[in-house]
């Protein structure tokens, strides 16, 4: 069966959480939980056909219920940071939780990653597909408007995991959805030997609290230049001011394709396994986070200890703090409009990946 389901566990409130598995003809599998809309596992082949899970996370529900670094979750209502946890819309100032130093991060402490989503299998000519729905009520985590969100995961026979995000609102609000999967294409160890290419000639530099300065700065001549494939460990610990502020890479890159249409955002290659992942998106930006805050205190799948740089994120998105930076692409959603974005993770192995 291309889609199967099993009980994943129960919440403290007694809600049963399901875990769905999508399969394709190549033996690739994706596990998705109704808690947080979480991408729990993604099993893909290496150059020898050996299947391994390339995501950090947990094997059971319980660790996802507590504090964790957003492993695989759907992030909302607003991914990334909002300065001071505050924004103004239509002359009204909204105060959100400050859950990342002085700033608001990833929708707040009880954002979409700690919500139970409704799931149903979805008919698709493209492959195994699962639709998740969630209604974020007016005032939830301080955001205005009732926001109806749909996230569809589709696994194609071309070894692509596609995520389609759609949302509508009954009042003006802000929105920025992404998935916060942590990838390690070797399945173990660190990502320092991975080679990354970002199709972005500019990035948004940050201050000491990781809020963008408002500038679109060229990457040329800086450790942020990944226009050509580059080993991540080369400059991840350099003395560059931006690297110090992010404690490694934790920045938004401005994609050269500009968003709107599906375009290439990143390529990630792991030389020992031959796995190559391409990231395509309709979003204008991608946050590359090199797992700087992982510190060995979390034990995950198979008893693995998740050490510093143990996984990386490529969070396709609108830019951080956009509600407070009018020169950035708008993240306002109004009644009658449809928020719609797509991200594709495509996996290739063998000679084509080199």
Protein backbone atom coordinates (compact mmCIF):
# COMPACT_ATOMS: atom_id res chain seq x y z
CA UNK A 1 0.00 0.00 0.00
CA UNK A 2 1.34 3.47 -0.86
CA UNK A 3 -0.13 4.90 2.37
CA UNK A 4 -0.47 3.13 5.72
CA UNK A 5 -1.11 4.37 9.24
CA UNK A 6 -0.43 3.32 12.81
CA UNK A 7 -1.03 4.72 16.27
CA UNK A 8 1.92 6.86 17.33
CA UNK A 9 0.85 7.52 20.94
CA UNK A 10 -1.52 9.64 23.01
CA UNK A 11 -1.28 13.25 24.15
CA UNK A 12 -1.72 14.10 27.86
CA UNK A 13 -5.26 15.23 26.90
CA UNK A 14 -6.03 11.73 25.62
CA UNK A 15 -5.92 12.46 21.89
CA UNK A 16 -4.60 9.58 19.80
CA UNK A 17 -1.86 10.65 17.40
CA UNK A 18 -1.44 8.80 14.12
CA UNK A 19 1.70 8.26 12.09
CA UNK A 20 1.23 7.79 8.34
CA UNK A 21 3.81 6.21 6.03
CA UNK A 22 3.98 7.20 2.36
CA UNK A 23 5.81 4.80 0.02
CA UNK A 24 6.92 4.95 -3.60
CA UNK A 25 8.00 2.36 -6.16
CA UNK A 26 11.70 3.00 -5.45
CA UNK A 27 11.49 1.98 -1.79
CA UNK A 28 11.54 5.53 -0.44
CA UNK A 29 9.34 6.10 2.62
CA UNK A 30 8.20 9.20 4.51
CA UNK A 31 6.61 9.04 7.98
CA UNK A 32 4.31 11.91 8.97
CA UNK A 33 2.71 12.46 12.38
CA UNK A 34 -0.55 14.29 13.04
CA UNK A 35 1.16 15.92 16.02
CA UNK A 36 2.76 19.08 14.65
CA UNK A 37 2.32 17.85 11.09
CA UNK A 38 5.75 16.38 11.75
CA UNK A 39 7.96 14.75 9.13
CA UNK A 40 9.20 12.01 11.44
CA UNK A 41 11.37 9.99 9.04
CA UNK A 42 12.52 10.00 5.43
CA UNK A 43 14.16 6.80 4.23
CA UNK A 44 16.09 7.11 0.96
CA UNK A 45 18.71 4.94 -0.83
CA UNK A 46 22.43 5.63 -1.11
CA UNK A 47 24.59 4.94 -4.18
CA UNK A 48 24.57 1.20 -3.34
CA UNK A 49 20.82 1.06 -2.85
CA UNK A 50 21.08 0.91 0.95
CA UNK A 51 18.10 2.66 2.55
CA UNK A 52 18.66 4.93 5.55
CA UNK A 53 16.68 7.57 7.42
CA UNK A 54 18.19 10.99 6.65
CA UNK A 55 16.24 12.98 9.28
CA UNK A 56 16.94 13.74 12.92
CA UNK A 57 14.07 13.11 15.31
CA UNK A 58 12.45 10.55 17.57
CA UNK A 59 10.94 7.08 17.20
CA UNK A 60 8.02 7.70 19.57
CA UNK A 61 5.57 10.52 20.23
CA UNK A 62 6.61 11.35 23.80
CA UNK A 63 9.77 13.42 23.04
CA UNK A 64 7.85 15.49 20.47
CA UNK A 65 5.37 16.55 23.18
CA UNK A 66 8.05 18.40 25.13
CA UNK A 67 10.69 20.95 24.24
CA UNK A 68 12.83 19.99 21.25
CA UNK A 69 14.53 21.95 18.45
CA UNK A 70 11.54 21.76 16.06
CA UNK A 71 12.56 18.40 14.55
CA UNK A 72 10.59 17.97 11.31
CA UNK A 73 7.57 20.04 12.35
CA UNK A 74 5.32 22.38 10.39
CA UNK A 75 6.22 25.83 11.71
CA UNK A 76 3.58 28.55 11.99
CA UNK A 77 1.88 30.92 12.14
CA UNK A 78 5.12 32.73 11.44
CA UNK A 79 8.36 30.82 10.82
CA UNK A 80 11.61 32.39 12.03
CA UNK A 81 11.89 35.54 14.12
CA UNK A 82 9.84 38.66 14.72
CA UNK A 83 11.74 41.44 16.51
CA UNK A 84 10.54 42.08 20.04
CA UNK A 85 7.65 39.72 19.39
CA UNK A 86 5.78 42.72 18.08
CA UNK A 87 4.26 43.83 14.77
CA UNK A 88 1.76 46.41 13.59
CA UNK A 89 -1.08 45.69 11.18
CA UNK A 90 -3.77 48.16 10.15
CA UNK A 91 -2.64 50.52 12.91
CA UNK A 92 -2.99 47.88 15.64
CA UNK A 93 0.06 46.64 17.52
CA UNK A 94 0.11 42.91 18.29
CA UNK A 95 2.33 41.53 21.04
CA UNK A 96 3.44 37.92 20.67
CA UNK A 97 5.42 35.65 22.98
CA UNK A 98 9.12 36.39 23.31
CA UNK A 99 10.39 32.84 23.22
CA UNK A 100 13.83 33.45 21.68
CA UNK A 101 15.63 36.00 23.82
CA UNK A 102 13.86 39.32 23.11
CA UNK A 103 12.20 37.95 19.97
CA UNK A 104 9.33 35.75 18.83
CA UNK A 105 10.34 32.48 17.15
CA UNK A 106 8.47 29.94 15.02
CA UNK A 107 4.93 30.86 16.03
CA UNK A 108 5.49 30.83 19.77
CA UNK A 109 5.73 28.16 22.49
CA UNK A 110 2.48 26.48 21.41
CA UNK A 111 2.69 27.16 17.70
CA UNK A 112 1.67 24.75 14.96
CA UNK A 113 4.40 22.32 16.07
CA UNK A 114 2.43 21.54 19.24
CA UNK A 115 -1.00 21.24 17.59
CA UNK A 116 -2.94 18.15 16.51
CA UNK A 117 -3.73 18.16 12.79
CA UNK A 118 -6.59 16.35 11.04
CA UNK A 119 -5.31 13.92 8.40
CA UNK A 120 -6.74 12.07 5.44
CA UNK A 121 -5.28 10.19 2.52
CA UNK A 122 -5.57 12.19 -0.65
CA UNK A 123 -6.03 10.94 -4.20
CA UNK A 124 -3.11 12.06 -6.36
CA UNK A 125 -1.75 11.07 -9.76
CA UNK A 126 1.72 12.12 -8.57
CA UNK A 127 2.14 9.53 -5.80
CA UNK A 128 1.21 8.67 -2.23
CA UNK A 129 -0.33 11.76 -0.65
CA UNK A 130 -1.50 12.89 2.79
CA UNK A 131 -3.51 16.01 3.56
CA UNK A 132 -3.29 17.68 6.97
CA UNK A 133 -5.65 20.42 8.15
CA UNK A 134 -5.59 22.78 11.12
CA UNK A 135 -7.73 25.76 12.12
CA UNK A 136 -5.74 28.36 14.04
CA UNK A 137 -8.30 30.39 15.98
CA UNK A 138 -8.33 34.18 16.18
CA UNK A 139 -5.99 35.23 19.01
CA UNK A 140 -4.05 31.97 19.13
CA UNK A 141 -0.49 32.85 20.20
CA UNK A 142 -1.52 36.49 19.79
CA UNK A 143 -2.16 36.42 16.03
CA UNK A 144 -5.33 37.96 14.54
CA UNK A 145 -7.87 36.12 12.38
CA UNK A 146 -9.13 32.58 12.09
CA UNK A 147 -6.58 30.92 9.81
CA UNK A 148 -7.48 27.71 7.97
CA UNK A 149 -4.32 25.82 7.01
CA UNK A 150 -3.83 22.82 4.72
CA UNK A 151 -0.50 21.04 4.28
CA UNK A 152 -0.22 18.23 1.73
CA UNK A 153 2.72 15.82 1.66
CA UNK A 154 3.18 13.88 -1.62
CA UNK A 155 5.87 11.27 -2.31
CA UNK A 156 6.46 10.73 -6.04
CA UNK A 157 8.09 7.82 -7.86
CA UNK A 158 10.81 10.28 -8.89
CA UNK A 159 11.99 10.28 -5.24
CA UNK A 160 10.54 13.72 -4.59
CA UNK A 161 8.84 14.70 -1.36
CA UNK A 162 6.56 17.61 -2.20
CA UNK A 163 4.96 19.82 0.46
CA UNK A 164 2.11 22.11 -0.59
CA UNK A 165 0.97 24.78 1.88
CA UNK A 166 -2.38 26.57 1.55
CA UNK A 167 -4.15 28.95 3.94
CA UNK A 168 -7.05 31.38 4.09
CA UNK A 169 -8.13 33.85 6.76
CA UNK A 170 -11.25 35.73 7.82
CA UNK A 171 -9.29 38.80 9.00
CA UNK A 172 -6.00 40.45 8.03
CA UNK A 173 -3.09 38.51 9.51
CA UNK A 174 0.52 37.54 8.85
CA UNK A 175 1.73 34.11 7.79
CA UNK A 176 5.01 32.37 6.97
CA UNK A 177 4.91 28.57 6.92
CA UNK A 178 7.79 26.11 6.55
CA UNK A 179 8.98 22.67 7.54
CA UNK A 180 11.83 22.42 10.04
CA UNK A 181 13.35 19.07 9.05
CA UNK A 182 16.94 18.42 10.13
CA UNK A 183 18.84 16.55 7.41
CA UNK A 184 21.93 14.40 7.65
CA UNK A 185 22.41 12.59 4.34
CA UNK A 186 24.96 10.20 5.90
CA UNK A 187 22.37 9.18 8.48
CA UNK A 188 24.89 9.61 11.30
CA UNK A 189 27.78 11.83 12.46
CA UNK A 190 27.90 15.53 11.54
CA UNK A 191 27.08 17.49 8.40
CA UNK A 192 30.47 19.24 8.25
CA UNK A 193 31.60 17.13 5.27
CA UNK A 194 28.38 17.73 3.34
CA UNK A 195 28.76 19.99 0.31
CA UNK A 196 26.10 22.66 -0.08
CA UNK A 197 25.18 24.95 -2.94
CA UNK A 198 22.71 27.80 -2.43
CA UNK A 199 21.26 29.52 -5.46
CA UNK A 200 21.41 32.91 -3.82
CA UNK A 201 23.85 35.74 -4.47
CA UNK A 202 22.54 37.76 -1.49
CA UNK A 203 21.59 37.12 2.13
CA UNK A 204 19.99 39.12 4.94
CA UNK A 205 22.66 39.94 7.54
CA UNK A 206 21.56 39.85 11.17
CA UNK A 207 22.21 41.65 14.44
CA UNK A 208 23.38 39.96 17.64
CA UNK A 209 19.81 38.72 18.34
CA UNK A 210 19.45 37.21 14.83
CA UNK A 211 17.10 39.91 13.52
CA UNK A 212 17.79 41.05 9.92
CA UNK A 213 19.32 44.50 9.53
CA UNK A 214 17.08 45.17 6.51
CA UNK A 215 19.93 44.90 4.03
CA UNK A 216 20.26 42.45 1.13
CA UNK A 217 24.02 41.92 1.23
CA UNK A 218 26.03 40.20 -1.53
CA UNK A 219 27.54 36.88 -0.47
CA UNK A 220 30.66 37.38 -2.63
CA UNK A 221 33.85 37.45 -0.59
CA UNK A 222 32.12 36.25 2.62
CA UNK A 223 31.64 32.86 4.34
CA UNK A 224 28.04 33.10 3.09
CA UNK A 225 29.06 32.41 -0.51
CA UNK A 226 27.68 29.01 -1.53
CA UNK A 227 27.11 29.86 -5.17
CA UNK A 228 29.46 26.95 -5.94
CA UNK A 229 29.31 23.64 -4.01
CA UNK A 230 31.25 24.15 -0.75
CA UNK A 231 32.01 21.91 2.20
CA UNK A 232 30.02 23.22 5.17
CA UNK A 233 32.87 22.78 7.67
CA UNK A 234 35.18 25.09 5.73
CA UNK A 235 34.08 28.33 7.42
CA UNK A 236 31.33 27.35 9.86
CA UNK A 237 33.52 28.39 12.78
CA UNK A 238 35.24 31.40 11.18
CA UNK A 239 35.65 34.72 13.00
CA UNK A 240 33.33 36.53 10.60
CA UNK A 241 30.87 38.75 12.51
CA UNK A 242 27.85 37.12 10.89
CA UNK A 243 29.12 33.65 11.79
CA UNK A 244 29.65 34.82 15.38
CA UNK A 245 26.12 36.24 15.58
CA UNK A 246 24.61 33.01 14.26
CA UNK A 247 27.08 30.80 16.18
CA UNK A 248 27.55 29.18 12.77
CA UNK A 249 25.16 29.36 9.85
CA UNK A 250 21.67 30.49 10.85
CA UNK A 251 20.75 33.02 8.17
CA UNK A 252 18.23 33.71 5.43
CA UNK A 253 19.46 33.59 1.84
CA UNK A 254 17.64 35.64 -0.83
CA UNK A 255 16.97 33.23 -3.69
CA UNK A 256 17.97 34.46 -7.11
CA UNK A 257 14.82 33.05 -8.72
CA UNK A 258 12.81 35.49 -6.62
CA UNK A 259 9.99 33.18 -5.59
CA UNK A 260 6.55 32.82 -7.11
CA UNK A 261 7.46 30.00 -9.49
CA UNK A 262 9.06 26.72 -8.42
CA UNK A 263 12.82 27.24 -8.62
CA UNK A 264 16.02 25.68 -7.33
CA UNK A 265 17.02 26.88 -3.86
CA UNK A 266 19.75 24.45 -2.75
CA UNK A 267 21.72 21.31 -3.47
CA UNK A 268 23.14 19.19 -0.67
CA UNK A 269 25.61 16.35 -1.37
CA UNK A 270 27.10 13.77 0.97
CA UNK A 271 30.18 12.16 -0.68
CA UNK A 272 30.45 8.89 1.28
CA UNK A 273 26.89 7.77 0.50
CA UNK A 274 26.49 9.57 -2.83
CA UNK A 275 23.16 11.02 -1.70
CA UNK A 276 22.23 14.33 -3.30
CA UNK A 277 19.21 16.36 -2.22
CA UNK A 278 17.85 19.22 -4.29
CA UNK A 279 15.47 21.74 -2.71
CA UNK A 280 13.03 23.57 -4.96
CA UNK A 281 10.57 26.17 -3.73
CA UNK A 282 8.18 28.94 -4.69
CA UNK A 283 9.34 30.91 -1.63
CA UNK A 284 11.74 33.88 -1.97
CA UNK A 285 14.12 32.77 0.78
CA UNK A 286 15.73 29.82 2.52
CA UNK A 287 17.11 29.68 6.06
CA UNK A 288 20.24 27.54 6.21
CA UNK A 289 20.81 26.45 9.80
CA UNK A 290 23.84 24.26 10.51
CA UNK A 291 22.63 22.72 13.78
CA UNK A 292 24.75 25.02 15.94
CA UNK A 293 22.61 24.63 19.07
CA UNK A 294 22.65 20.83 19.10
CA UNK A 295 24.92 19.94 22.02
CA UNK A 296 24.70 16.20 22.63
CA UNK A 297 21.95 16.51 25.24
CA UNK A 298 19.27 14.99 22.98
CA UNK A 299 19.12 11.26 22.29
CA UNK A 300 17.16 10.44 19.17
CA UNK A 301 16.50 7.57 16.79
CA UNK A 302 18.45 4.40 17.40
CA UNK A 303 20.02 5.88 20.52
CA UNK A 304 21.94 8.45 18.49
CA UNK A 305 23.22 11.47 20.39
CA UNK A 306 22.63 14.62 18.38
CA UNK A 307 25.89 16.55 18.64
CA UNK A 308 26.70 20.03 17.40
CA UNK A 309 26.35 20.16 13.59
CA UNK A 310 24.59 16.77 13.73
CA UNK A 311 21.99 17.94 11.22
CA UNK A 312 21.09 20.96 9.11
CA UNK A 313 17.90 22.73 8.11
CA UNK A 314 16.94 24.30 4.80
CA UNK A 315 13.77 26.15 5.75
CA UNK A 316 12.11 27.62 2.67
CA UNK A 317 10.35 30.81 3.73
CA UNK A 318 9.63 34.49 3.49
CA UNK A 319 12.27 36.60 5.21
CA UNK A 320 12.56 36.85 9.02
CA UNK A 321 10.91 39.89 10.64
CA UNK A 322 9.15 40.84 7.40
CA UNK A 323 6.16 42.37 9.27
CA UNK A 324 8.55 45.00 10.64
CA UNK A 325 10.58 45.46 7.45
CA UNK A 326 8.37 46.89 4.68
CA UNK A 327 11.17 46.62 2.11
CA UNK A 328 10.96 42.79 2.41
CA UNK A 329 8.30 40.80 0.51
CA UNK A 330 4.98 41.09 2.33
CA UNK A 331 3.72 38.33 4.61
CA UNK A 332 0.25 39.86 5.09
CA UNK A 333 -2.72 37.65 4.19
CA UNK A 334 -6.16 39.21 3.79
CA UNK A 335 -9.67 37.75 3.51
CA UNK A 336 -10.36 36.56 -0.04
CA UNK A 337 -6.69 35.84 -0.70
CA UNK A 338 -5.07 32.40 -0.72
CA UNK A 339 -1.63 31.80 0.77
CA UNK A 340 -0.02 29.10 -1.37
CA UNK A 341 3.54 27.80 -1.45
CA UNK A 342 5.29 24.62 -2.54
CA UNK A 343 8.60 23.05 -1.56
CA UNK A 344 10.11 19.91 -3.10
CA UNK A 345 12.93 17.76 -1.70
CA UNK A 346 14.32 15.69 -4.59
CA UNK A 347 16.79 12.84 -3.98
CA UNK A 348 19.35 11.55 -6.47
CA UNK A 349 22.14 8.98 -6.09
CA UNK A 350 24.90 7.51 -8.20
CA UNK A 351 26.87 9.23 -11.02
CA UNK A 352 24.15 11.86 -11.52
CA UNK A 353 24.70 13.07 -7.96
CA UNK A 354 28.43 13.70 -8.26
